[in-house]
Protein backbone atom coordinates (compact mmCIF):
# COMPACT_ATOMS: atom_id res chain seq x y z
CA UNK A 1 27.66 25.00 -35.13
CA UNK A 2 26.67 27.58 -33.00
CA UNK A 3 24.04 28.66 -35.11
CA UNK A 4 22.56 25.20 -35.10
CA UNK A 5 22.58 24.89 -31.26
CA UNK A 6 20.59 28.50 -31.03
CA UNK A 7 18.07 27.12 -33.90
CA UNK A 8 17.63 24.10 -31.94
CA UNK A 9 17.09 26.00 -28.80
CA UNK A 10 14.35 28.55 -30.13
CA UNK A 11 12.71 25.65 -31.83
CA UNK A 12 12.52 23.58 -28.32
CA UNK A 13 10.97 26.91 -26.92
CA UNK A 14 8.28 27.38 -29.44
CA UNK A 15 7.54 23.84 -29.37
CA UNK A 16 7.19 23.91 -25.40
CA UNK A 17 5.22 27.42 -25.97
CA UNK A 18 2.83 25.88 -28.38
CA UNK A 19 2.12 22.82 -26.01
CA UNK A 20 1.58 25.40 -22.98
CA UNK A 21 -1.06 27.21 -25.53
CA UNK A 22 -2.68 24.00 -26.07
CA UNK A 23 -3.20 22.83 -23.03
CA UNK A 24 -4.80 26.23 -21.60
CA UNK A 25 -6.71 26.54 -24.81
CA UNK A 26 -7.62 22.88 -24.54
CA UNK A 27 -8.68 22.95 -20.52
CA UNK A 28 -12.09 21.96 -20.10
CA UNK A 29 -13.58 24.07 -17.28
CA UNK A 30 -16.18 21.31 -16.61
CA UNK A 31 -13.35 18.67 -15.56
CA UNK A 32 -12.33 18.40 -11.89
CA UNK A 33 -9.27 21.04 -10.89
CA UNK A 34 -8.38 18.57 -8.40
CA UNK A 35 -8.29 14.90 -7.92
CA UNK A 36 -7.88 13.56 -4.31
CA UNK A 37 -7.01 9.71 -4.20
CA UNK A 38 -7.28 8.15 -0.91
CA UNK A 39 -6.12 4.54 0.28
CA UNK A 40 -7.14 3.15 3.73
CA UNK A 41 -5.20 -0.04 4.63
CA UNK A 42 -7.75 -2.70 5.80
CA UNK A 43 -10.38 -0.65 5.62
CA UNK A 44 -13.80 -3.00 6.08
CA UNK A 45 -17.19 -2.30 4.49
CA UNK A 46 -18.90 -4.11 7.67
CA UNK A 47 -17.16 -1.99 10.09
CA UNK A 48 -18.47 1.13 8.28
CA UNK A 49 -21.93 0.17 8.43
CA UNK A 50 -21.56 -1.01 11.97
CA UNK A 51 -20.25 2.08 13.05
CA UNK A 52 -22.05 4.57 10.83
CA UNK A 53 -24.12 5.99 13.63
CA UNK A 54 -21.16 6.96 15.55
CA UNK A 55 -19.86 8.95 12.28
CA UNK A 56 -20.26 12.63 11.47
CA UNK A 57 -22.42 13.98 8.68
CA UNK A 58 -19.31 14.87 6.43
CA UNK A 59 -17.01 12.35 6.31
CA UNK A 60 -17.85 8.54 5.61
CA UNK A 61 -21.48 9.26 5.58
CA UNK A 62 -20.83 12.21 3.01
CA UNK A 63 -19.25 9.61 0.69
CA UNK A 64 -22.00 6.89 1.26
CA UNK A 65 -24.63 9.57 0.72
CA UNK A 66 -23.11 11.63 -2.37
CA UNK A 67 -20.72 9.21 -4.35
CA UNK A 68 -20.85 5.78 -6.04
CA UNK A 69 -20.21 3.27 -3.04
CA UNK A 70 -19.09 -0.16 -3.82
CA UNK A 71 -19.59 -2.44 -1.08
CA UNK A 72 -17.36 -5.17 -2.22
CA UNK A 73 -14.10 -4.69 -4.23
CA UNK A 74 -12.65 -8.04 -5.00
CA UNK A 75 -8.83 -7.99 -5.50
CA UNK A 76 -8.73 -11.49 -7.15
CA UNK A 77 -5.22 -11.84 -6.12
CA UNK A 78 -3.31 -13.12 -2.94
CA UNK A 79 -2.41 -9.49 -1.78
CA UNK A 80 -1.67 -8.87 1.87
CA UNK A 81 -0.21 -5.62 2.10
CA UNK A 82 -0.70 -2.02 1.54
CA UNK A 83 2.27 -1.81 -1.15
CA UNK A 84 1.26 -4.23 -3.36
CA UNK A 85 -2.64 -3.56 -2.78
CA UNK A 86 -2.12 0.33 -3.83
CA UNK A 87 0.20 -0.68 -7.18
CA UNK A 88 -3.22 -2.56 -8.29
CA UNK A 89 -5.48 0.27 -7.35
CA UNK A 90 -3.11 2.84 -9.28
CA UNK A 91 -2.15 1.16 -12.14
CA UNK A 92 -4.92 -1.17 -13.09
CA UNK A 93 -2.80 -4.45 -13.17
CA UNK A 94 -1.49 -7.08 -10.95
CA UNK A 95 2.25 -7.83 -9.39
CA UNK A 96 2.90 -10.09 -12.52
CA UNK A 97 2.59 -6.73 -14.82
CA UNK A 98 3.75 -4.04 -12.42
CA UNK A 99 6.33 -5.62 -10.77
CA UNK A 100 5.42 -4.73 -7.06
CA UNK A 101 4.34 -8.07 -5.22
CA UNK A 102 4.80 -6.76 -1.74
CA UNK A 103 7.29 -4.11 0.06
CA UNK A 104 10.16 -6.51 -0.25
CA UNK A 105 11.27 -8.58 -2.83
CA UNK A 106 14.23 -11.02 -2.46
CA UNK A 107 17.47 -10.74 -4.33
CA UNK A 108 19.71 -13.28 -5.28
CA UNK A 109 22.78 -11.41 -5.48
CA UNK A 110 22.68 -10.09 -2.22
CA UNK A 111 21.24 -12.99 -0.63
CA UNK A 112 18.64 -11.07 1.47
CA UNK A 113 15.29 -9.21 0.79
CA UNK A 114 15.40 -5.53 0.00
CA UNK A 115 12.72 -3.11 -0.75
CA UNK A 116 10.86 -3.42 -3.47
CA UNK A 117 11.30 0.14 -4.95
CA UNK A 118 15.24 0.45 -3.78
CA UNK A 119 17.35 2.40 -6.05
CA UNK A 120 20.64 3.06 -5.15
CA UNK A 121 20.94 6.01 -7.75
CA UNK A 122 18.19 7.84 -5.81
CA UNK A 123 19.24 9.83 -2.67
CA UNK A 124 16.90 10.76 -0.06
CA UNK A 125 15.72 14.01 1.22
CA UNK A 126 15.69 13.93 5.14
CA UNK A 127 16.35 10.36 4.85
CA UNK A 128 19.09 7.78 4.13
CA UNK A 129 16.50 5.52 2.17
CA UNK A 130 17.25 5.28 -1.64
CA UNK A 131 14.02 4.67 -3.34
CA UNK A 132 12.25 5.65 -6.71
CA UNK A 133 9.75 4.31 -8.81
CA UNK A 134 11.94 3.00 -11.42
CA UNK A 135 10.94 -0.72 -10.68
CA UNK A 136 7.08 0.16 -10.73
CA UNK A 137 6.94 -1.09 -14.72
CA UNK A 138 3.80 0.47 -15.87
CA UNK A 139 1.82 3.88 -15.58
CA UNK A 140 -0.48 4.87 -12.65
CA UNK A 141 -3.32 7.30 -12.46
CA UNK A 142 -1.11 10.03 -11.42
CA UNK A 143 1.16 9.95 -14.41
CA UNK A 144 -1.77 9.90 -16.53
CA UNK A 145 -3.12 13.02 -14.88
CA UNK A 146 0.44 14.45 -15.18
CA UNK A 147 0.78 13.69 -18.77
CA UNK A 148 -2.57 14.82 -19.53
CA UNK A 149 -1.87 18.08 -17.89
CA UNK A 150 1.54 18.30 -20.55
CA UNK A 151 3.66 18.59 -17.26
CA UNK A 152 2.16 21.92 -16.18
CA UNK A 153 -0.01 20.52 -13.08
CA UNK A 154 1.02 19.33 -9.73
CA UNK A 155 0.71 15.68 -8.68
CA UNK A 156 1.96 15.07 -4.72
CA UNK A 157 1.32 12.02 -2.46
CA UNK A 158 1.53 11.74 1.20
CA UNK A 159 1.73 8.52 3.25
CA UNK A 160 3.27 7.04 6.25
CA UNK A 161 4.94 4.41 4.17
CA UNK A 162 7.77 5.33 1.72
CA UNK A 163 6.80 2.73 -0.99
CA UNK A 164 3.16 3.36 -0.72
CA UNK A 165 3.65 7.25 -1.20
CA UNK A 166 6.10 6.86 -4.32
CA UNK A 167 3.45 4.54 -6.03
CA UNK A 168 0.90 7.19 -5.23
CA UNK A 169 3.06 9.70 -6.76
CA UNK A 170 4.03 7.56 -9.82
CA UNK A 171 6.76 8.13 -12.15
CA UNK A 172 5.70 11.77 -13.25
CA UNK A 173 4.80 13.09 -9.79
CA UNK A 174 6.40 16.23 -8.07
CA UNK A 175 6.93 14.42 -4.96
CA UNK A 176 6.23 11.80 -2.63
CA UNK A 177 6.58 12.43 0.87
CA UNK A 178 6.46 9.79 3.87
CA UNK A 179 7.59 9.52 7.69
CA UNK A 180 10.88 7.78 8.11
CA UNK A 181 11.23 5.19 10.58
CA UNK A 182 14.87 6.83 11.84
CA UNK A 183 13.70 10.12 13.13
CA UNK A 184 10.24 10.79 12.36
CA UNK A 185 10.94 13.44 9.74
CA UNK A 186 8.77 13.81 6.58
CA UNK A 187 10.98 12.51 3.88
CA UNK A 188 11.19 12.09 0.01
CA UNK A 189 13.71 10.96 -2.68
CA UNK A 190 15.58 13.19 -5.09
CA UNK A 191 14.24 11.37 -7.93
CA UNK A 192 11.50 13.77 -7.62
CA UNK A 193 11.91 17.43 -8.85
CA UNK A 194 10.39 19.39 -6.00
CA UNK A 195 10.33 18.99 -2.18
CA UNK A 196 8.10 21.77 -0.72
CA UNK A 197 9.46 24.44 1.34
CA UNK A 198 6.42 23.72 3.87
CA UNK A 199 7.78 20.31 4.65
CA UNK A 200 11.31 21.76 4.99
CA UNK A 201 9.78 24.16 7.85
CA UNK A 202 7.85 21.39 9.39
CA UNK A 203 10.89 19.10 9.83
CA UNK A 204 12.53 21.74 11.28
CA UNK A 205 9.90 24.08 13.44
CA UNK A 206 7.44 21.42 14.32
CA UNK A 207 9.21 17.88 13.99
CA UNK A 208 7.25 14.69 15.00
CA UNK A 209 10.33 13.87 16.98
CA UNK A 210 9.35 17.15 19.51
CA UNK A 211 5.92 15.60 19.68
CA UNK A 212 5.96 12.06 20.04
CA UNK A 213 7.06 11.88 23.65
CA UNK A 214 4.10 13.48 24.72
CA UNK A 215 1.65 12.08 22.41
CA UNK A 216 -0.71 9.53 23.50
CA UNK A 217 -3.83 7.68 22.07
CA UNK A 218 -7.13 7.30 24.23
CA UNK A 219 -10.33 6.46 23.53
CA UNK A 220 -12.25 9.44 21.46
CA UNK A 221 -15.50 8.36 23.05
CA UNK A 222 -17.07 6.96 26.31
CA UNK A 223 -16.42 3.59 26.56
CA UNK A 224 -20.29 2.66 26.86
CA UNK A 225 -20.56 4.15 23.41
CA UNK A 226 -18.49 1.57 21.45
CA UNK A 227 -21.04 -1.55 20.40
CA UNK A 228 -19.56 -5.13 20.82
CA UNK A 229 -17.09 -4.52 23.37
CA UNK A 230 -16.16 -7.21 25.94
CA UNK A 231 -17.50 -6.46 29.12
CA UNK A 232 -13.94 -6.36 30.90
CA UNK A 233 -12.82 -3.86 28.41
CA UNK A 234 -15.45 -1.10 29.36
CA UNK A 235 -13.94 -0.77 32.65
CA UNK A 236 -10.10 -0.51 31.14
CA UNK A 237 -9.43 2.37 28.74
CA UNK A 238 -6.47 2.00 26.46
CA UNK A 239 -3.79 4.29 26.67
CA UNK A 240 -1.05 4.28 24.23
CA UNK A 241 2.10 6.39 24.42
CA UNK A 242 5.49 6.52 21.73
CA UNK A 243 8.14 7.37 24.08
CA UNK A 244 11.55 8.27 22.13
CA UNK A 245 13.32 5.43 24.27
CA UNK A 246 11.76 2.98 22.42
CA UNK A 247 13.99 2.43 19.18
CA UNK A 248 10.41 1.35 17.62
CA UNK A 249 8.38 4.42 18.44
CA UNK A 250 7.96 5.73 14.85
CA UNK A 251 6.90 2.27 13.44
CA UNK A 252 4.53 1.80 16.22
CA UNK A 253 3.19 5.43 15.57
CA UNK A 254 2.74 4.58 12.05
CA UNK A 255 0.67 1.83 12.79
CA UNK A 256 -1.64 3.44 15.15
CA UNK A 257 -4.81 5.93 14.96
CA UNK A 258 -2.84 9.02 15.78
CA UNK A 259 -0.90 8.98 12.47
CA UNK A 260 -3.95 9.50 10.50
CA UNK A 261 -4.31 13.07 12.16
CA UNK A 262 -0.54 13.69 11.04
CA UNK A 263 -1.24 12.77 7.80
CA UNK A 264 -4.26 15.09 7.35
CA UNK A 265 -2.31 17.82 8.74
CA UNK A 266 0.33 17.59 6.12
CA UNK A 267 -2.28 16.98 3.11
CA UNK A 268 -4.29 20.13 4.42
CA UNK A 269 -1.14 21.99 4.28
CA UNK A 270 -0.25 20.77 0.91
CA UNK A 271 -3.66 21.80 -0.65
CA UNK A 272 -3.32 25.31 1.15
CA UNK A 273 0.72 25.91 0.53
CA UNK A 274 0.73 24.39 -3.02
CA UNK A 275 -2.40 25.99 -4.13
CA UNK A 276 -3.55 22.54 -5.37
CA UNK A 277 -6.63 22.50 -7.53
CA UNK A 278 -6.68 26.43 -8.37
CA UNK A 279 -4.93 26.57 -11.55
CA UNK A 280 -7.14 27.62 -14.57
CA UNK A 281 -5.30 25.42 -16.98
CA UNK A 282 -5.40 21.80 -15.79
CA UNK A 283 -6.14 19.58 -12.63
CA UNK A 284 -3.73 18.74 -9.86
CA UNK A 285 -3.94 15.39 -7.95
CA UNK A 286 -3.18 14.84 -4.39
CA UNK A 287 -3.08 11.10 -3.21
CA UNK A 288 -3.14 10.09 0.47
CA UNK A 289 -3.11 6.71 2.66
CA UNK A 290 -4.20 6.12 5.84
CA UNK A 291 -4.77 3.05 8.07
CA UNK A 292 -7.60 1.33 9.54
CA UNK A 293 -5.56 -1.71 10.42
CA UNK A 294 -5.76 -3.70 13.47
CA UNK A 295 -3.41 -2.19 16.07
CA UNK A 296 -0.85 -5.16 16.88
CA UNK A 297 0.78 -4.08 20.04
CA UNK A 298 -2.55 -4.73 22.18
CA UNK A 299 -1.67 -6.73 25.47
CA UNK A 300 -4.18 -9.10 25.37
CA UNK A 301 -4.47 -9.57 21.34
CA UNK A 302 -8.12 -8.31 21.73
CA UNK A 303 -8.13 -5.04 19.76
CA UNK A 304 -11.71 -4.67 18.75
CA UNK A 305 -11.95 -1.34 21.10
CA UNK A 306 -8.99 0.26 19.24
CA UNK A 307 -9.79 -0.84 15.96
CA UNK A 308 -13.62 1.08 16.43
CA UNK A 309 -11.72 4.08 17.88
CA UNK A 310 -9.52 4.03 14.78
CA UNK A 311 -12.79 4.21 12.59
CA UNK A 312 -14.13 6.81 14.67
CA UNK A 313 -11.21 9.15 14.53
CA UNK A 314 -10.35 8.35 10.91
CA UNK A 315 -14.01 9.68 10.21
CA UNK A 316 -13.10 13.15 11.97
CA UNK A 317 -9.86 13.54 9.65
CA UNK A 318 -11.72 12.72 6.62
CA UNK A 319 -14.33 15.58 7.91
CA UNK A 320 -11.64 17.86 8.20
CA UNK A 321 -10.12 16.92 4.87
CA UNK A 322 -12.99 17.39 2.95
CA UNK A 323 -14.21 20.60 4.82
CA UNK A 324 -10.60 21.82 3.59
CA UNK A 325 -11.18 20.92 -0.03
CA UNK A 326 -14.64 22.37 -0.16
CA UNK A 327 -13.36 25.77 0.91
CA UNK A 328 -10.14 25.96 -0.76
CA UNK A 329 -11.45 24.72 -4.21
CA UNK A 330 -14.76 23.50 -3.85
CA UNK A 331 -16.13 19.74 -3.43
CA UNK A 332 -17.78 20.83 -6.88
CA UNK A 333 -14.53 21.16 -8.65
CA UNK A 334 -13.04 18.09 -6.97
CA UNK A 335 -12.87 14.19 -7.79
CA UNK A 336 -12.36 12.19 -4.68
CA UNK A 337 -11.91 8.25 -4.56
CA UNK A 338 -11.22 6.22 -1.76
CA UNK A 339 -10.40 2.45 -1.58
CA UNK A 340 -9.48 0.00 0.76
CA UNK A 341 -6.53 -2.41 0.34
CA UNK A 342 -8.73 -5.47 0.01
CA UNK A 343 -7.47 -7.63 2.65
CA UNK A 344 -7.69 -7.89 6.69
CA UNK A 345 -4.78 -8.98 8.74
CA UNK A 346 -6.78 -9.61 12.01
CA UNK A 347 -4.41 -12.77 12.67
CA UNK A 348 -3.21 -12.84 16.42
CA UNK A 349 -1.93 -15.59 18.29
CA UNK A 350 -4.54 -17.45 20.25
CA UNK A 351 -4.17 -17.92 24.07
CA UNK A 352 -3.17 -21.69 24.19
CA UNK A 353 -6.06 -22.04 26.71
CA UNK A 354 -8.54 -22.14 23.75
CA UNK A 355 -7.03 -25.18 22.69
CA UNK A 356 -6.98 -24.00 18.98
CA UNK A 357 -4.85 -26.43 16.80
CA UNK A 358 -1.89 -24.50 16.43
CA UNK A 359 2.10 -24.53 16.00
CA UNK A 360 5.36 -22.58 14.96
CA UNK A 361 6.79 -22.95 11.55
CA UNK A 362 10.44 -21.83 11.95
CA UNK A 363 11.78 -20.57 8.46
CA UNK A 364 15.04 -21.27 9.51
CA UNK A 365 14.13 -24.76 10.45
CA UNK A 366 12.48 -25.22 7.15
CA UNK A 367 15.58 -23.85 5.39
CA UNK A 368 18.12 -26.28 7.21
CA UNK A 369 15.89 -29.37 7.05
CA UNK A 370 15.24 -29.25 3.32
CA UNK A 371 19.08 -28.36 2.55
CA UNK A 372 20.03 -31.65 5.02
CA UNK A 373 17.57 -33.54 2.83
CA UNK A 374 18.91 -32.61 -0.45
CA UNK A 375 22.65 -32.85 0.59
CA UNK A 376 21.66 -36.45 2.08
CA UNK A 377 20.52 -37.46 -1.59
CA UNK A 378 22.76 -35.79 -4.01
CA UNK A 379 25.89 -34.78 -1.68
CA UNK A 380 26.79 -32.19 0.81
CA UNK A 381 26.27 -28.46 -0.26
CA UNK A 382 24.09 -25.42 0.02
CA UNK A 383 21.29 -25.89 -1.93
CA UNK A 384 19.33 -22.97 -0.68
CA UNK A 385 20.05 -19.74 -1.50
CA UNK A 386 17.38 -18.22 0.93
CA UNK A 387 14.02 -18.40 2.27
CA UNK A 388 11.48 -15.36 2.53
CA UNK A 389 8.30 -16.11 3.96
CA UNK A 390 6.34 -18.31 1.66
CA UNK A 391 9.26 -18.61 -1.23
CA UNK A 392 12.23 -20.92 -0.93
CA UNK A 393 14.99 -19.88 -3.41
CA UNK A 394 17.30 -22.30 -4.89
CA UNK A 395 21.26 -22.06 -5.53
CA UNK A 396 21.40 -23.03 -9.43
CA UNK A 397 24.90 -22.94 -9.01
CA UNK A 398 25.01 -25.36 -6.42
CA UNK A 399 22.42 -27.74 -8.11
CA UNK A 400 24.50 -27.56 -11.64
CA UNK A 401 27.87 -28.39 -9.53
CA UNK A 402 25.93 -31.66 -8.22
CA UNK A 403 24.46 -32.45 -11.69
CA UNK A 404 20.97 -31.85 -10.46
CA UNK A 405 18.54 -29.83 -12.48
CA UNK A 406 16.32 -27.16 -11.25
CA UNK A 407 13.08 -29.44 -12.27
CA UNK A 408 14.27 -32.22 -10.54
CA UNK A 409 15.20 -30.16 -7.37
CA UNK A 410 12.02 -28.36 -7.05
CA UNK A 411 10.08 -31.98 -7.41
CA UNK A 412 12.27 -33.31 -4.48
CA UNK A 413 11.65 -30.54 -2.57
CA UNK A 414 7.94 -29.96 -2.98
CA UNK A 415 7.60 -33.65 -1.74
CA UNK A 416 9.57 -33.12 1.02
CA UNK A 417 8.02 -30.04 2.39
CA UNK A 418 4.25 -30.97 1.83
CA UNK A 419 5.13 -33.42 4.86
CA UNK A 420 6.62 -30.85 7.43
CA UNK A 421 4.12 -29.89 10.10
CA UNK A 422 2.21 -26.61 9.50
CA UNK A 423 2.80 -26.63 5.79
CA UNK A 424 -0.49 -27.50 3.93
CA UNK A 425 1.26 -27.28 0.45
CA UNK A 426 4.16 -26.36 -1.35
CA UNK A 427 4.07 -25.47 -5.43
CA UNK A 428 6.60 -24.93 -7.73
CA UNK A 429 6.79 -21.49 -9.81
CA UNK A 430 6.03 -23.70 -12.84
CA UNK A 431 3.05 -25.02 -11.50
CA UNK A 432 1.45 -21.93 -10.36
CA UNK A 433 2.16 -20.40 -13.67
CA UNK A 434 0.54 -23.36 -15.58
CA UNK A 435 -2.42 -23.99 -13.26
CA UNK A 436 -6.01 -22.40 -14.28
CA UNK A 437 -7.90 -23.11 -11.38
CA UNK A 438 -9.47 -20.06 -9.45
CA UNK A 439 -7.10 -20.51 -6.52
CA UNK A 440 -4.15 -20.97 -8.54
CA UNK A 441 -5.19 -17.73 -10.79
CA UNK A 442 -5.22 -15.84 -7.22
CA UNK A 443 -1.89 -16.74 -6.75
CA UNK A 444 -0.32 -16.27 -10.10
CA UNK A 445 -1.67 -13.08 -10.21
CA UNK A 446 0.27 -11.96 -6.96
CA UNK A 447 3.61 -13.12 -8.30
CA UNK A 448 6.35 -11.42 -10.32
CA UNK A 449 7.93 -14.25 -12.13
CA UNK A 450 11.07 -12.07 -12.76
CA UNK A 451 11.22 -11.87 -8.84
CA UNK A 452 9.91 -15.00 -7.51
CA UNK A 453 11.28 -17.88 -5.62
CA UNK A 454 11.12 -21.68 -6.97
CA UNK A 455 9.04 -22.74 -4.45
CA UNK A 456 5.95 -21.30 -2.80
CA UNK A 457 4.72 -22.40 0.78
CA UNK A 458 1.08 -22.46 2.08
CA UNK A 459 0.61 -22.61 5.75
CA UNK A 460 -2.26 -24.24 7.58
CA UNK A 461 -4.56 -21.61 9.35
CA UNK A 462 -3.91 -21.35 13.19
CA UNK A 463 -0.21 -21.62 12.75
CA UNK A 464 2.46 -19.07 13.37
CA UNK A 465 5.16 -18.51 10.46
CA UNK A 466 8.32 -17.60 12.52
CA UNK A 467 10.93 -15.61 10.21
CA UNK A 468 13.96 -16.32 12.46
CA UNK A 469 16.43 -15.84 9.65
CA UNK A 470 16.19 -12.06 10.55
CA UNK A 471 16.51 -9.85 13.55
CA UNK A 472 14.52 -9.42 15.67
CA UNK A 473 12.40 -12.51 14.10
CA UNK A 474 8.80 -11.78 13.14
CA UNK A 475 5.53 -13.78 14.22
CA UNK A 476 3.04 -14.06 11.60
CA UNK A 477 -0.27 -15.98 12.48
CA UNK A 478 -2.03 -17.36 9.35
CA UNK A 479 -5.73 -16.83 9.43
CA UNK A 480 -7.81 -17.45 6.29
CA UNK A 481 -10.77 -14.95 6.48
CA UNK A 482 -12.53 -12.98 3.67
CA UNK A 483 -14.09 -9.42 4.04
CA UNK A 484 -15.85 -6.87 2.04
CA UNK A 485 -13.64 -3.91 1.30
CA UNK A 486 -15.29 -0.69 -0.02
CA UNK A 487 -14.72 1.94 -2.77
CA UNK A 488 -16.19 5.27 -3.18
CA UNK A 489 -16.08 7.73 -6.07
CA UNK A 490 -17.84 11.19 -5.58
CA UNK A 491 -17.00 13.93 -8.11
CA UNK A 492 -19.21 16.21 -10.44
CA UNK A 493 -21.87 14.33 -13.10
CA UNK A 494 -21.38 10.86 -10.71
CA UNK A 495 -24.59 9.83 -9.74
CA UNK A 496 -24.89 8.61 -6.17
CA UNK A 497 -25.29 4.85 -6.32
CA UNK A 498 -24.81 1.71 -4.14
CA UNK A 499 -23.52 -1.25 -5.74
CA UNK A 500 -23.50 -4.49 -3.73
CA UNK A 501 -22.06 -6.88 -6.43
CA UNK A 502 -18.51 -7.61 -6.43
CA UNK A 503 -16.13 -5.29 -8.74
CA UNK A 504 -12.72 -6.25 -9.96
CA UNK A 505 -9.94 -4.01 -8.40
CA UNK A 506 -8.34 -3.60 -11.51
CA UNK A 507 -11.38 -1.73 -12.52
CA UNK A 508 -10.59 1.19 -10.31
CA UNK A 509 -7.83 2.74 -12.03
CA UNK A 510 -9.43 2.79 -15.49
CA UNK A 511 -12.88 4.02 -13.71
CA UNK A 512 -11.27 7.04 -12.22
CA UNK A 513 -9.40 8.05 -15.35
CA UNK A 514 -12.59 7.62 -17.12
CA UNK A 515 -14.66 9.91 -14.73
CA UNK A 516 -11.76 12.39 -15.58
CA UNK A 517 -12.05 11.58 -19.49
CA UNK A 518 -8.37 10.94 -19.82
CA UNK A 519 -6.68 7.73 -20.79
CA UNK A 520 -6.32 4.68 -18.68
CA UNK A 521 -2.82 3.66 -17.26
CA UNK A 522 -0.81 1.73 -20.00
CA UNK A 523 -0.91 -1.53 -18.27
CA UNK A 524 -4.97 -1.49 -17.16
CA UNK A 525 -6.42 -4.73 -17.52
CA UNK A 526 -10.04 -4.07 -16.93
CA UNK A 527 -13.01 -1.99 -18.20
CA UNK A 528 -14.13 1.09 -16.36
CA UNK A 529 -17.17 0.34 -13.89
CA UNK A 530 -20.51 1.04 -15.35
CA UNK A 531 -22.51 3.44 -13.24
């Protein structure tokens, strides 16, 4: 028996050695040594064009001039957050396939929304969060890079948000790093086998908690250089601080422009300390998430100045990053892709003085009134399991106890809900899955049937959805607005070109893997872009 064990180990060692030799021999010197994938939340094409003259030469301008530049990537689904959008970009498929419809899903067993990537079996490093990519059902660009390298290459991801970082690192990555909201430390999950020493040192010797109290965000330029700003804004430069006495200090910081500097600092350290892109036998990958989202903590709701400043500061961080890559690896040895998340959340509550038709939709009230309506018709019971933004979850046990079929309950609820103020439509899950219209297709792609609710609400533009079922309540203004969102691909062999026609976001992942001459993620639903 002992001889058999020794033989098995020897055979395994020989096979691993042969695989290593194959990887080294098969390494293509013409292939990039490093892949850098960048996702910028809510980046807009029109703002890049609008502010181009204020950018440096080696940031966005370099990507525009030296890479493939898609001016309009169409996400073809109702995605409104960076987590679902990043999953689409990295897998090449929609939430109904990836299992990532957003940052949270409603779990009926817990009767509350929980993080989509929650995994009780995965402990955290420098965090109490228990997360992993286990619930991500299909492979990613980073997975395919790792698999192509025979597990010998390095794959890391850096983001302010934990779930975005994990999606970018994929199942096969070395580590996903994020800033946790509790104490600002760079954190990860024990699911991954690595936790870089330079991150441990940063958390202990240069923690964000020691810097945040003295950190402030002010305009980077003289106010007269920002175009299109209201006259009164030009006299009062903004200044934001992030005092630790504020319990939301870290989450506020993560939504502000200075977080992009923190992310770049860590990304540059990763390139240097982990020797990314400097192995002779494979391709490493580093994924990075930035924000270009409107800053929602402005006092008067007018965040145009802050938004322009965010773009200008982000351009400077891209310059820092690209120059580091050029020095440490060489841009001629690197494939860089950068994409927006495909939506724009410019919604803010309008001042009543403008008399825009509006109102509040209280989710707690919607749930209570619907339950009262069903109780009056079919007997007193708690028919509603819960409500999560635009999804209503029925309690199927209560329905069964009152001999009410789910189909009948959904239809009754739908007829009641569409009459409520602020609600423009209510559709059952079955209707969404069966409808083939363009509007329904966008909605269907954004739904994961395995975790979806029974009824989906649509709200009137101008109204505010108040989620008062949790504390503190959140207010989400509803606004329907389409913007163009960009994508860049810069790599050896990629001819600079500008494409103005819309391109399917599902084509991004297979386009990147095609440029690397490796296979597409296993769920990719579109062909690579022809360029």
